[in-house]
Amino acid sequence: TMIFNVDIIVSYVSKFMSLQAGDIITTGTPPGVGMGMKPQLFLKAGDQMKLAIDNLGEQNSKVVPV
């Protein structure tokens, strides 16, 4: 459900810089995030977040008030 597929994004970025093995290109927000829900659902103090990438590891974070 991306607006531009990965091939197009890589082609576009390649016009402005030389990509090397291991470079990371962020592609935006995936579907299913809180802003797109009805009603909207956002992170709040005390929520736990977990980011995991297979064969790389994971990162855990707790949302704190500012």
Protein backbone atom coordinates (compact mmCIF):
# COMPACT_ATOMS: atom_id res chain seq x y z
CA THR A 1 0.00 0.00 0.00
CA MET A 2 2.98 2.31 -0.54
CA ILE A 3 2.58 5.30 -2.85
CA PHE A 4 5.94 4.56 -4.53
CA ASN A 5 7.35 1.03 -4.66
CA VAL A 6 10.90 0.30 -3.51
CA ASP A 7 12.29 0.12 -7.07
CA ILE A 8 11.10 3.65 -7.79
CA ILE A 9 12.42 4.99 -4.47
CA VAL A 10 15.88 3.45 -5.02
CA SER A 11 15.99 4.78 -8.58
CA TYR A 12 15.04 8.28 -7.41
CA VAL A 13 17.56 8.37 -4.55
CA SER A 14 20.27 7.07 -6.90
CA LYS A 15 19.90 10.22 -9.00
CA PHE A 16 21.22 12.30 -6.08
CA MET A 17 23.75 10.04 -4.38
CA SER A 18 25.76 6.87 -4.90
CA LEU A 19 24.25 4.04 -2.91
CA GLN A 20 26.61 1.58 -1.25
CA ALA A 21 26.05 -1.90 0.15
CA GLY A 22 24.45 -1.50 3.57
CA ASP A 23 22.85 1.90 2.89
CA ILE A 24 19.39 2.29 4.39
CA ILE A 25 16.56 4.16 2.70
CA THR A 26 13.55 4.83 4.90
CA THR A 27 10.28 4.42 3.06
CA GLY A 28 7.80 6.13 5.36
CA THR A 29 5.03 5.02 7.66
CA PRO A 30 3.46 1.60 7.06
CA PRO A 31 -0.29 1.03 7.06
CA GLY A 32 -1.94 0.25 10.38
CA VAL A 33 -0.45 3.09 12.41
CA GLY A 34 -2.50 4.87 15.06
CA MET A 35 -3.16 8.02 13.06
CA GLY A 36 -4.98 5.97 10.42
CA MET A 37 -7.20 4.17 12.93
CA LYS A 38 -10.73 5.22 13.77
CA PRO A 39 -10.71 6.39 16.50
CA GLN A 40 -7.08 7.50 16.24
CA LEU A 41 -4.67 5.85 18.69
CA PHE A 42 -1.39 7.48 19.69
CA LEU A 43 1.51 6.49 21.96
CA LYS A 44 1.28 7.72 25.54
CA ALA A 45 3.52 7.74 28.60
CA GLY A 46 4.10 4.21 29.86
CA ASP A 47 3.60 2.49 26.48
CA GLN A 48 6.30 0.02 25.43
CA MET A 49 7.70 -0.08 21.89
CA LYS A 50 9.67 -2.93 20.36
CA LEU A 51 11.55 -2.72 17.06
CA ALA A 52 12.91 -6.02 15.76
CA ILE A 53 14.81 -6.98 12.62
CA ASP A 54 15.35 -10.67 11.88
CA ASN A 55 18.99 -11.78 12.25
CA LEU A 56 19.96 -8.36 13.61
CA GLY A 57 18.31 -7.89 17.01
CA GLU A 58 15.72 -5.81 18.76
CA GLN A 59 15.38 -2.49 20.53
CA ASN A 60 12.92 -1.86 23.35
CA SER A 61 11.84 1.60 24.43
CA LYS A 62 9.39 2.99 26.96
CA VAL A 63 7.45 6.19 26.19
CA VAL A 64 8.04 8.84 28.86
CA PRO A 65 6.29 12.18 29.43
CA VAL A 66 8.08 15.36 28.34
